């Protein structure tokens, strides 16, 4: 690719990302409308002809790494794994 082709490709990527952000915002707004209705009616499962919508509580447990580093830094060091990757970024 020459510089002109890269420039055009970057412009296209930026436009596609902008469009994706708009679509994701629209999707989120529509999902929020359904969630509001489900909360209002306390009905957290809705069945349709070709769909099922559920809105359930999910509980997760995670390690507080900041507290662990403070309390047991030697354990953190022993079990910390470092990896190297490449990050592609258009700015």
Protein backbone atom coordinates (compact mmCIF):
# COMPACT_ATOMS: atom_id res chain seq x y z
CA UNK A 1 0.00 0.00 0.00
CA UNK A 2 1.22 3.48 -0.73
CA UNK A 3 0.69 6.48 1.55
CA UNK A 4 -2.45 7.63 -0.31
CA UNK A 5 -4.03 4.17 -0.03
CA UNK A 6 -3.23 4.00 3.69
CA UNK A 7 -4.70 7.48 4.20
CA UNK A 8 -7.93 6.48 2.44
CA UNK A 9 -8.10 3.25 4.40
CA UNK A 10 -7.64 5.12 7.70
CA UNK A 11 -10.44 7.54 6.73
CA UNK A 12 -12.68 4.58 5.93
CA UNK A 13 -11.85 2.87 9.25
CA UNK A 14 -12.61 6.07 11.18
CA UNK A 15 -15.97 6.45 9.42
CA UNK A 16 -16.87 2.82 10.05
CA UNK A 17 -15.96 3.17 13.74
CA UNK A 18 -18.07 6.32 14.01
CA UNK A 19 -20.99 4.45 12.45
CA UNK A 20 -20.42 1.51 14.82
CA UNK A 21 -20.54 3.87 17.82
CA UNK A 22 -23.85 5.32 16.62
CA UNK A 23 -25.33 1.86 16.07
CA UNK A 24 -24.09 0.62 19.46
CA UNK A 25 -25.69 3.67 21.12
CA UNK A 26 -29.00 2.94 19.36
CA UNK A 27 -28.85 -0.73 20.38
CA UNK A 28 -28.11 0.24 23.98
CA UNK A 29 -31.03 2.68 24.04
CA UNK A 30 -33.43 0.02 22.72
CA UNK A 31 -32.14 -2.53 25.24
CA UNK A 32 -32.61 0.04 28.02
CA UNK A 33 -36.25 0.49 26.97
CA UNK A 34 -36.85 -3.24 27.34
CA UNK A 35 -34.99 -3.36 30.67
CA UNK A 36 -37.09 -0.48 32.02
CA UNK A 37 -40.27 -2.34 31.11
CA UNK A 38 -38.98 -5.54 32.68
CA UNK A 39 -38.10 -3.67 35.89
CA UNK A 40 -41.42 -1.87 35.92
CA UNK A 41 -43.37 -5.13 35.65
CA UNK A 42 -40.90 -7.31 37.60
CA UNK A 43 -41.09 -9.71 34.66
CA UNK A 44 -37.51 -10.71 33.87
CA UNK A 45 -38.27 -13.22 31.12
CA UNK A 46 -40.24 -12.37 28.01
CA UNK A 47 -41.05 -14.95 25.37
CA UNK A 48 -41.93 -14.07 21.81
CA UNK A 49 -42.61 -16.09 18.68
CA UNK A 50 -38.93 -16.19 17.71
CA UNK A 51 -37.13 -14.74 20.73
CA UNK A 52 -36.62 -14.99 24.46
CA UNK A 53 -35.45 -11.97 26.46
CA UNK A 54 -34.06 -12.44 29.95
CA UNK A 55 -32.75 -9.86 32.39
CA UNK A 56 -31.13 -11.65 35.28
CA UNK A 57 -28.86 -10.72 38.17
CA UNK A 58 -25.33 -12.04 37.85
CA UNK A 59 -22.98 -12.18 40.80
CA UNK A 60 -19.26 -12.38 40.20
CA UNK A 61 -16.32 -12.59 42.55
CA UNK A 62 -12.97 -11.06 41.65
CA UNK A 63 -9.68 -10.68 43.39
CA UNK A 64 -8.92 -7.15 44.58
CA UNK A 65 -5.42 -7.02 43.12
CA UNK A 66 -4.58 -3.66 44.69
CA UNK A 67 -5.38 -4.97 48.19
CA UNK A 68 -3.58 -8.24 47.48
CA UNK A 69 -0.47 -6.38 46.31
CA UNK A 70 -0.53 -4.33 49.50
CA UNK A 71 -1.11 -7.28 51.84
CA UNK A 72 0.94 -9.99 50.13
CA UNK A 73 3.34 -8.48 47.59
CA UNK A 74 5.53 -11.58 47.52
CA UNK A 75 2.56 -13.77 46.53
CA UNK A 76 1.57 -11.34 43.80
CA UNK A 77 5.12 -11.30 42.44
CA UNK A 78 5.26 -15.09 42.49
CA UNK A 79 2.03 -15.49 40.50
CA UNK A 80 2.28 -12.51 38.15
CA UNK A 81 2.74 -13.37 34.50
CA UNK A 82 4.00 -10.84 31.97
CA UNK A 83 3.18 -11.11 28.29
CA UNK A 84 4.01 -8.98 25.27
CA UNK A 85 1.58 -8.26 22.47
CA UNK A 86 1.21 -5.73 19.69
CA UNK A 87 -1.50 -3.08 19.88
CA UNK A 88 -2.87 -1.60 16.66
CA UNK A 89 -4.03 1.98 17.15
CA UNK A 90 -5.24 4.69 14.79
CA UNK A 91 -5.04 8.14 16.35
